[in-house]
């Protein structure tokens, strides 16, 4: 039996388990399973590794994309640079860390990019933001982090001005604000300064239209959610588990 899974907490609504289970059925793949590993503390990963026979790899989601690094034996070059991992391959007893959010984010964003999208705001500084930052570095798009509290690497939401939004016309929400069931939550940016020149990308996929997206649409911005990114990163994970030596 081959086993894969998703590590995170909580995992009340897992896209990955449903997606991979349906994928295995559609392709007629037998004796392959995808499970949810919902653990309140990252240290419980040791128990999963010791008890789950046939485990060949797992995805990592909130809140462990950074914390899982300490459990890995090898890191891909992007993970070394980013400090965040969302895909682990187990080979010869060793845990090897990858990040498939990079592929998912870049391929899903690029069709929406326009010449005026010269600078970006990244809302949030958690594990998901690392992949967004990495892609913007690849695309040579300058970016600014926005967080609840200002730091050396980020400004606070309260510091956002009209001038900043005028010059930063890509806005990426990497926070869980607005995710089901807390659908009324949203990042507190000054939406009145959003225009039809802006593109808002919410990494959340449930609900399909978060408050962040709805508020952007009301201002005429183009918008997208994280569903396509999720599909792309899932397929990249499958490729890593099966094709990489």
C-alpha atoms as a PDB file:
ATOM      1  CA  UNK A   1       0.000   0.000   0.000  1.00  0.00           C
ATOM      2  CA  UNK A   2       1.232   3.482  -0.912  1.00  0.00           C
ATOM      3  CA  UNK A   3       0.201   6.291   1.416  1.00  0.00           C
ATOM      4  CA  UNK A   4       0.294  10.055   1.026  1.00  0.00           C
ATOM      5  CA  UNK A   5      -1.342  12.780   3.079  1.00  0.00           C
ATOM      6  CA  UNK A   6      -1.805  16.348   4.213  1.00  0.00           C
ATOM      7  CA  UNK A   7      -0.194  17.750   7.352  1.00  0.00           C
ATOM      8  CA  UNK A   8      -1.805  20.755   9.032  1.00  0.00           C
ATOM      9  CA  UNK A   9      -4.250  21.962  11.658  1.00  0.00           C
ATOM     10  CA  UNK A  10      -7.148  22.154  11.568  1.00  0.00           C
ATOM     11  CA  UNK A  11      -8.112  20.212   8.457  1.00  0.00           C
ATOM     12  CA  UNK A  12     -11.883  20.573   8.574  1.00  0.00           C
ATOM     13  CA  UNK A  13     -12.228  20.981   4.810  1.00  0.00           C
ATOM     14  CA  UNK A  14      -9.453  19.247   2.913  1.00  0.00           C
ATOM     15  CA  UNK A  15      -9.306  19.876  -0.816  1.00  0.00           C
ATOM     16  CA  UNK A  16      -6.297  17.585  -1.135  1.00  0.00           C
ATOM     17  CA  UNK A  17      -7.838  14.411   0.264  1.00  0.00           C
ATOM     18  CA  UNK A  18     -10.906  14.683  -1.963  1.00  0.00           C
ATOM     19  CA  UNK A  19      -8.844  15.648  -5.008  1.00  0.00           C
ATOM     20  CA  UNK A  20      -6.355  12.807  -4.754  1.00  0.00           C
ATOM     21  CA  UNK A  21      -8.963  10.193  -3.810  1.00  0.00           C
ATOM     22  CA  UNK A  22     -10.988  11.111  -6.911  1.00  0.00           C
ATOM     23  CA  UNK A  23      -7.806  11.180  -9.002  1.00  0.00           C
ATOM     24  CA  UNK A  24      -6.874   7.646  -7.927  1.00  0.00           C
ATOM     25  CA  UNK A  25     -10.381   6.401  -8.708  1.00  0.00           C
ATOM     26  CA  UNK A  26     -10.501   8.099 -12.114  1.00  0.00           C
ATOM     27  CA  UNK A  27      -7.132   6.664 -13.128  1.00  0.00           C
ATOM     28  CA  UNK A  28      -7.894   3.219 -11.725  1.00  0.00           C
ATOM     29  CA  UNK A  29      -4.921   3.421  -9.342  1.00  0.00           C
ATOM     30  CA  UNK A  30      -5.297   0.789  -6.629  1.00  0.00           C
ATOM     31  CA  UNK A  31      -3.695   0.467  -3.204  1.00  0.00           C
ATOM     32  CA  UNK A  32      -2.857   4.176  -3.066  1.00  0.00           C
ATOM     33  CA  UNK A  33      -4.415   6.336  -0.372  1.00  0.00           C
ATOM     34  CA  UNK A  34      -4.360   9.982   0.684  1.00  0.00           C
ATOM     35  CA  UNK A  35      -5.070  10.759   4.343  1.00  0.00           C
ATOM     36  CA  UNK A  36      -5.404  13.826   6.543  1.00  0.00           C
ATOM     37  CA  UNK A  37      -2.867  14.259   9.338  1.00  0.00           C
ATOM     38  CA  UNK A  38      -4.487  16.896  11.522  1.00  0.00           C
ATOM     39  CA  UNK A  39      -2.127  17.544  14.427  1.00  0.00           C
ATOM     40  CA  UNK A  40      -2.350  20.396  16.973  1.00  0.00           C
ATOM     41  CA  UNK A  41       1.439  20.383  17.494  1.00  0.00           C
ATOM     42  CA  UNK A  42       4.176  19.851  14.910  1.00  0.00           C
ATOM     43  CA  UNK A  43       5.981  17.445  17.253  1.00  0.00           C
ATOM     44  CA  UNK A  44       3.218  14.910  16.550  1.00  0.00           C
ATOM     45  CA  UNK A  45       4.745  14.482  13.082  1.00  0.00           C
ATOM     46  CA  UNK A  46       7.230  12.077  14.689  1.00  0.00           C
ATOM     47  CA  UNK A  47       4.341   9.783  15.654  1.00  0.00           C
ATOM     48  CA  UNK A  48       2.894   9.912  12.140  1.00  0.00           C
ATOM     49  CA  UNK A  49       6.234   9.024  10.583  1.00  0.00           C
ATOM     50  CA  UNK A  50       6.663   6.105  12.971  1.00  0.00           C
ATOM     51  CA  UNK A  51       3.131   4.723  12.696  1.00  0.00           C
ATOM     52  CA  UNK A  52       2.018   5.257   9.095  1.00  0.00           C
ATOM     53  CA  UNK A  53       3.356   2.342   7.092  1.00  0.00           C
ATOM     54  CA  UNK A  54       3.775   2.913   3.389  1.00  0.00           C
ATOM     55  CA  UNK A  55       3.982   6.701   3.766  1.00  0.00           C
ATOM     56  CA  UNK A  56       5.863   8.032   0.724  1.00  0.00           C
ATOM     57  CA  UNK A  57       5.150  11.732   1.003  1.00  0.00           C
ATOM     58  CA  UNK A  58       2.831  14.429   2.258  1.00  0.00           C
ATOM     59  CA  UNK A  59       1.711  17.978   1.622  1.00  0.00           C
ATOM     60  CA  UNK A  60       2.007  20.646   4.301  1.00  0.00           C
ATOM     61  CA  UNK A  61      -0.472  23.441   4.962  1.00  0.00           C
ATOM     62  CA  UNK A  62      -1.271  26.025   7.644  1.00  0.00           C
ATOM     63  CA  UNK A  63       0.371  26.410  10.126  1.00  0.00           C
ATOM     64  CA  UNK A  64       3.383  24.146   9.494  1.00  0.00           C
ATOM     65  CA  UNK A  65       4.982  25.241   6.197  1.00  0.00           C
ATOM     66  CA  UNK A  66       7.890  26.791   8.067  1.00  0.00           C
ATOM     67  CA  UNK A  67       7.960  24.595  11.174  1.00  0.00           C
ATOM     68  CA  UNK A  68       8.257  21.364   9.168  1.00  0.00           C
ATOM     69  CA  UNK A  69      11.725  22.436   7.958  1.00  0.00           C
ATOM     70  CA  UNK A  70      13.256  21.269  11.247  1.00  0.00           C
ATOM     71  CA  UNK A  71      12.132  17.705  10.524  1.00  0.00           C
ATOM     72  CA  UNK A  72      13.595  17.447   7.020  1.00  0.00           C
ATOM     73  CA  UNK A  73      16.846  15.763   5.982  1.00  0.00           C
ATOM     74  CA  UNK A  74      17.243  17.527   2.633  1.00  0.00           C
ATOM     75  CA  UNK A  75      15.864  20.725   1.134  1.00  0.00           C
ATOM     76  CA  UNK A  76      15.385  21.718  -2.484  1.00  0.00           C
ATOM     77  CA  UNK A  77      17.157  24.932  -3.420  1.00  0.00           C
ATOM     78  CA  UNK A  78      13.948  27.023  -3.388  1.00  0.00           C
ATOM     79  CA  UNK A  79      13.043  25.725   0.079  1.00  0.00           C
ATOM     80  CA  UNK A  80      16.517  26.654   1.322  1.00  0.00           C
ATOM     81  CA  UNK A  81      15.983  30.186   0.057  1.00  0.00           C
ATOM     82  CA  UNK A  82      12.356  30.528   1.148  1.00  0.00           C
ATOM     83  CA  UNK A  83      12.358  28.750   4.464  1.00  0.00           C
ATOM     84  CA  UNK A  84       8.959  27.242   3.668  1.00  0.00           C
ATOM     85  CA  UNK A  85       7.967  23.771   2.490  1.00  0.00           C
ATOM     86  CA  UNK A  86       4.588  22.416   1.399  1.00  0.00           C
ATOM     87  CA  UNK A  87       5.584  19.073  -0.128  1.00  0.00           C
ATOM     88  CA  UNK A  88       7.691  16.303   1.393  1.00  0.00           C
ATOM     89  CA  UNK A  89       8.973  13.244  -0.420  1.00  0.00           C
ATOM     90  CA  UNK A  90      10.156  10.286   1.657  1.00  0.00           C
ATOM     91  CA  UNK A  91      12.960   8.352   0.006  1.00  0.00           C
ATOM     92  CA  UNK A  92      15.102   5.701   1.708  1.00  0.00           C
ATOM     93  CA  UNK A  93      13.863   6.924   5.072  1.00  0.00           C
ATOM     94  CA  UNK A  94      14.901  10.510   4.383  1.00  0.00           C
ATOM     95  CA  UNK A  95      12.501  13.458   4.261  1.00  0.00           C
ATOM     96  CA  UNK A  96      13.117  15.796   1.331  1.00  0.00           C
ATOM     97  CA  UNK A  97      11.378  19.170   1.233  1.00  0.00           C
ATOM     98  CA  UNK A  98       9.980  20.915  -1.840  1.00  0.00           C
ATOM     99  CA  UNK A  99       7.634  23.822  -2.476  1.00  0.00           C
ATOM    100  CA  UNK A 100       4.967  23.312  -5.131  1.00  0.00           C
ATOM    101  CA  UNK A 101       3.215  26.587  -4.282  1.00  0.00           C
ATOM    102  CA  UNK A 102       5.844  28.246  -6.478  1.00  0.00           C
ATOM    103  CA  UNK A 103       4.615  26.446  -9.600  1.00  0.00           C
ATOM    104  CA  UNK A 104       0.966  26.865  -8.633  1.00  0.00           C
ATOM    105  CA  UNK A 105       1.209  30.579  -7.945  1.00  0.00           C
ATOM    106  CA  UNK A 106       3.341  31.518 -10.945  1.00  0.00           C
ATOM    107  CA  UNK A 107       1.346  29.592 -13.556  1.00  0.00           C
ATOM    108  CA  UNK A 108      -2.024  30.767 -12.232  1.00  0.00           C
ATOM    109  CA  UNK A 109      -0.961  34.421 -11.896  1.00  0.00           C
ATOM    110  CA  UNK A 110       0.822  34.963 -15.206  1.00  0.00           C
ATOM    111  CA  UNK A 111      -2.277  35.069 -17.466  1.00  0.00           C
ATOM    112  CA  UNK A 112      -3.565  38.024 -15.412  1.00  0.00           C
ATOM    113  CA  UNK A 113      -0.387  40.110 -15.487  1.00  0.00           C
ATOM    114  CA  UNK A 114      -0.555  43.388 -17.385  1.00  0.00           C
ATOM    115  CA  UNK A 115       2.154  45.952 -18.201  1.00  0.00           C
ATOM    116  CA  UNK A 116       0.919  48.239 -15.405  1.00  0.00           C
ATOM    117  CA  UNK A 117       1.444  45.543 -12.780  1.00  0.00           C
ATOM    118  CA  UNK A 118       4.888  46.844 -11.879  1.00  0.00           C
ATOM    119  CA  UNK A 119       4.812  46.414  -8.085  1.00  0.00           C
ATOM    120  CA  UNK A 120       2.995  44.162  -5.617  1.00  0.00           C
ATOM    121  CA  UNK A 121       1.680  44.088  -2.073  1.00  0.00           C
ATOM    122  CA  UNK A 122       1.920  40.750  -0.260  1.00  0.00           C
ATOM    123  CA  UNK A 123      -0.605  40.596   2.564  1.00  0.00           C
ATOM    124  CA  UNK A 124       0.706  38.336   5.326  1.00  0.00           C
ATOM    125  CA  UNK A 125       4.109  36.965   6.245  1.00  0.00           C
ATOM    126  CA  UNK A 126       3.352  33.279   6.892  1.00  0.00           C
ATOM    127  CA  UNK A 127       4.433  30.184   4.988  1.00  0.00           C
ATOM    128  CA  UNK A 128       2.310  30.851   1.910  1.00  0.00           C
ATOM    129  CA  UNK A 129       3.812  34.315   1.479  1.00  0.00           C
ATOM    130  CA  UNK A 130       7.263  32.797   0.940  1.00  0.00           C
ATOM    131  CA  UNK A 131       6.231  31.220  -2.376  1.00  0.00           C
ATOM    132  CA  UNK A 132       4.661  34.479  -3.522  1.00  0.00           C
ATOM    133  CA  UNK A 133       7.839  36.370  -2.648  1.00  0.00           C
ATOM    134  CA  UNK A 134       9.955  33.778  -4.487  1.00  0.00           C
ATOM    135  CA  UNK A 135       7.871  34.086  -7.660  1.00  0.00           C
ATOM    136  CA  UNK A 136       8.006  37.895  -7.595  1.00  0.00           C
ATOM    137  CA  UNK A 137      11.775  37.649  -7.312  1.00  0.00           C
ATOM    138  CA  UNK A 138      11.819  35.364 -10.363  1.00  0.00           C
ATOM    139  CA  UNK A 139       9.577  37.764 -12.299  1.00  0.00           C
ATOM    140  CA  UNK A 140      11.556  40.777 -11.077  1.00  0.00           C
ATOM    141  CA  UNK A 141       8.435  42.414  -9.654  1.00  0.00           C
ATOM    142  CA  UNK A 142       9.240  44.598  -6.605  1.00  0.00           C
ATOM    143  CA  UNK A 143       7.008  43.844  -3.618  1.00  0.00           C
ATOM    144  CA  UNK A 144       6.143  45.070  -0.173  1.00  0.00           C
ATOM    145  CA  UNK A 145       4.973  42.930   2.732  1.00  0.00           C
ATOM    146  CA  UNK A 146       1.961  44.097   4.748  1.00  0.00           C
ATOM    147  CA  UNK A 147       1.208  42.632   8.169  1.00  0.00           C
ATOM    148  CA  UNK A 148      -0.836  43.346  11.272  1.00  0.00           C
ATOM    149  CA  UNK A 149       2.203  44.873  12.931  1.00  0.00           C
ATOM    150  CA  UNK A 150       5.075  46.691  11.289  1.00  0.00           C
ATOM    151  CA  UNK A 151       8.536  45.079  11.334  1.00  0.00           C
ATOM    152  CA  UNK A 152      11.866  45.333   9.560  1.00  0.00           C
ATOM    153  CA  UNK A 153      10.388  43.439   6.606  1.00  0.00           C
ATOM    154  CA  UNK A 154       6.780  44.637   6.584  1.00  0.00           C
ATOM    155  CA  UNK A 155       4.587  47.669   7.005  1.00  0.00           C
ATOM    156  CA  UNK A 156       1.291  47.565   8.883  1.00  0.00           C
ATOM    157  CA  UNK A 157      -2.139  47.786   7.277  1.00  0.00           C
ATOM    158  CA  UNK A 158      -2.589  51.176   8.924  1.00  0.00           C
ATOM    159  CA  UNK A 159       0.446  52.523   7.041  1.00  0.00           C
ATOM    160  CA  UNK A 160      -1.007  51.831   3.584  1.00  0.00           C
ATOM    161  CA  UNK A 161      -1.663  55.025   1.657  1.00  0.00           C
ATOM    162  CA  UNK A 162      -3.348  55.946  -1.612  1.00  0.00           C
ATOM    163  CA  UNK A 163       0.072  56.519  -3.133  1.00  0.00           C
ATOM    164  CA  UNK A 164       1.161  52.996  -2.193  1.00  0.00           C
ATOM    165  CA  UNK A 165      -1.935  51.448  -3.743  1.00  0.00           C
ATOM    166  CA  UNK A 166      -1.585  53.599  -6.836  1.00  0.00           C
ATOM    167  CA  UNK A 167       1.928  52.239  -7.416  1.00  0.00           C
ATOM    168  CA  UNK A 168       1.337  48.658  -6.197  1.00  0.00           C
ATOM    169  CA  UNK A 169      -1.401  47.331  -8.466  1.00  0.00           C
ATOM    170  CA  UNK A 170      -0.924  43.651  -7.677  1.00  0.00           C
ATOM    171  CA  UNK A 171      -2.317  42.668  -4.277  1.00  0.00           C
ATOM    172  CA  UNK A 172      -1.922  39.108  -3.029  1.00  0.00           C
ATOM    173  CA  UNK A 173      -3.700  37.857   0.087  1.00  0.00           C
ATOM    174  CA  UNK A 174      -1.682  35.059   1.687  1.00  0.00           C
ATOM    175  CA  UNK A 175      -3.466  35.260   5.045  1.00  0.00           C
ATOM    176  CA  UNK A 176      -6.332  32.957   6.129  1.00  0.00           C
ATOM    177  CA  UNK A 177      -8.617  35.974   6.616  1.00  0.00           C
ATOM    178  CA  UNK A 178     -11.961  35.182   4.993  1.00  0.00           C
ATOM    179  CA  UNK A 179     -11.454  31.427   4.841  1.00  0.00           C
ATOM    180  CA  UNK A 180     -14.490  29.266   5.653  1.00  0.00           C
ATOM    181  CA  UNK A 181     -16.072  29.350   8.211  1.00  0.00           C
ATOM    182  CA  UNK A 182     -14.862  32.892   9.052  1.00  0.00           C
ATOM    183  CA  UNK A 183     -16.146  34.287   5.766  1.00  0.00           C
ATOM    184  CA  UNK A 184     -16.812  37.827   7.048  1.00  0.00           C
ATOM    185  CA  UNK A 185     -13.145  38.469   7.813  1.00  0.00           C
ATOM    186  CA  UNK A 186     -10.908  40.285   5.334  1.00  0.00           C
ATOM    187  CA  UNK A 187      -7.550  42.079   5.214  1.00  0.00           C
ATOM    188  CA  UNK A 188      -8.090  45.695   6.226  1.00  0.00           C
ATOM    189  CA  UNK A 189      -6.549  47.530   3.308  1.00  0.00           C
ATOM    190  CA  UNK A 190      -8.025  50.840   2.034  1.00  0.00           C
ATOM    191  CA  UNK A 191     -10.277  49.339  -0.652  1.00  0.00           C
ATOM    192  CA  UNK A 192     -11.503  52.798  -1.673  1.00  0.00           C
ATOM    193  CA  UNK A 193      -8.176  53.255  -3.473  1.00  0.00           C
ATOM    194  CA  UNK A 194      -8.536  50.063  -5.543  1.00  0.00           C
ATOM    195  CA  UNK A 195      -9.214  50.696  -9.246  1.00  0.00           C
ATOM    196  CA  UNK A 196      -9.815  48.755 -12.450  1.00  0.00           C
ATOM    197  CA  UNK A 197      -6.037  48.797 -12.888  1.00  0.00           C
ATOM    198  CA  UNK A 198      -5.565  46.531  -9.872  1.00  0.00           C
ATOM    199  CA  UNK A 199      -5.470  42.741  -9.756  1.00  0.00           C
ATOM    200  CA  UNK A 200      -6.375  41.002  -6.491  1.00  0.00           C
ATOM    201  CA  UNK A 201      -5.328  37.391  -5.950  1.00  0.00           C
ATOM    202  CA  UNK A 202      -6.656  35.570  -2.873  1.00  0.00           C
ATOM    203  CA  UNK A 203      -4.853  32.304  -2.138  1.00  0.00           C
ATOM    204  CA  UNK A 204      -8.028  31.137  -0.363  1.00  0.00           C
ATOM    205  CA  UNK A 205     -10.312  28.891  -2.434  1.00  0.00           C
ATOM    206  CA  UNK A 206     -13.150  28.294   0.052  1.00  0.00           C
ATOM    207  CA  UNK A 207     -15.327  30.308  -0.347  1.00  0.00           C
ATOM    208  CA  UNK A 208     -14.754  30.956  -4.042  1.00  0.00           C
ATOM    209  CA  UNK A 209     -15.423  34.651  -3.488  1.00  0.00           C
ATOM    210  CA  UNK A 210     -14.007  35.949  -0.237  1.00  0.00           C
ATOM    211  CA  UNK A 211     -14.825  39.376   1.157  1.00  0.00           C
ATOM    212  CA  UNK A 212     -11.384  40.481  -0.107  1.00  0.00           C
ATOM    213  CA  UNK A 213     -12.350  39.473  -3.649  1.00  0.00           C
ATOM    214  CA  UNK A 214     -15.844  40.953  -3.442  1.00  0.00           C
ATOM    215  CA  UNK A 215     -14.551  44.292  -2.182  1.00  0.00           C
ATOM    216  CA  UNK A 216     -12.003  44.348  -5.003  1.00  0.00           C
ATOM    217  CA  UNK A 217     -14.652  43.561  -7.627  1.00  0.00           C
ATOM    218  CA  UNK A 218     -16.807  46.401  -6.346  1.00  0.00           C
ATOM    219  CA  UNK A 219     -13.930  48.744  -7.206  1.00  0.00           C
ATOM    220  CA  UNK A 220     -13.581  47.296 -10.710  1.00  0.00           C
ATOM    221  CA  UNK A 221     -10.420  45.261 -10.085  1.00  0.00           C
ATOM    222  CA  UNK A 222      -9.726  41.931 -11.759  1.00  0.00           C
ATOM    223  CA  UNK A 223      -9.696  39.104  -9.235  1.00  0.00           C
ATOM    224  CA  UNK A 224      -8.881  35.430  -8.826  1.00  0.00           C
ATOM    225  CA  UNK A 225      -9.002  32.898  -6.013  1.00  0.00           C
ATOM    226  CA  UNK A 226      -6.581  30.120  -5.110  1.00  0.00           C
ATOM    227  CA  UNK A 227      -8.392  27.191  -6.707  1.00  0.00           C
ATOM    228  CA  UNK A 228      -6.308  26.919  -9.872  1.00  0.00           C
ATOM    229  CA  UNK A 229      -3.138  27.377  -7.840  1.00  0.00           C
ATOM    230  CA  UNK A 230      -4.263  24.491  -5.635  1.00  0.00           C
ATOM    231  CA  UNK A 231      -4.824  22.224  -8.644  1.00  0.00           C
ATOM    232  CA  UNK A 232      -1.438  23.068 -10.114  1.00  0.00           C
ATOM    233  CA  UNK A 233       0.465  22.541  -6.869  1.00  0.00           C
ATOM    234  CA  UNK A 234      -1.331  19.235  -6.254  1.00  0.00           C
ATOM    235  CA  UNK A 235      -0.278  17.933  -9.665  1.00  0.00           C
ATOM    236  CA  UNK A 236       3.276  19.144  -9.075  1.00  0.00           C
ATOM    237  CA  UNK A 237       3.305  17.238  -5.760  1.00  0.00           C
ATOM    238  CA  UNK A 238       2.169  14.073  -7.547  1.00  0.00           C
ATOM    239  CA  UNK A 239       4.956  14.541 -10.093  1.00  0.00           C
ATOM    240  CA  UNK A 240       7.550  14.935  -7.340  1.00  0.00           C
ATOM    241  CA  UNK A 241       6.371  11.844  -5.496  1.00  0.00           C
ATOM    242  CA  UNK A 242       6.381   9.700  -8.623  1.00  0.00           C
ATOM    243  CA  UNK A 243       8.957  11.069 -11.039  1.00  0.00           C
ATOM    244  CA  UNK A 244      11.821  12.560  -9.056  1.00  0.00           C
ATOM    245  CA  UNK A 245      14.520  10.060  -8.146  1.00  0.00           C
END
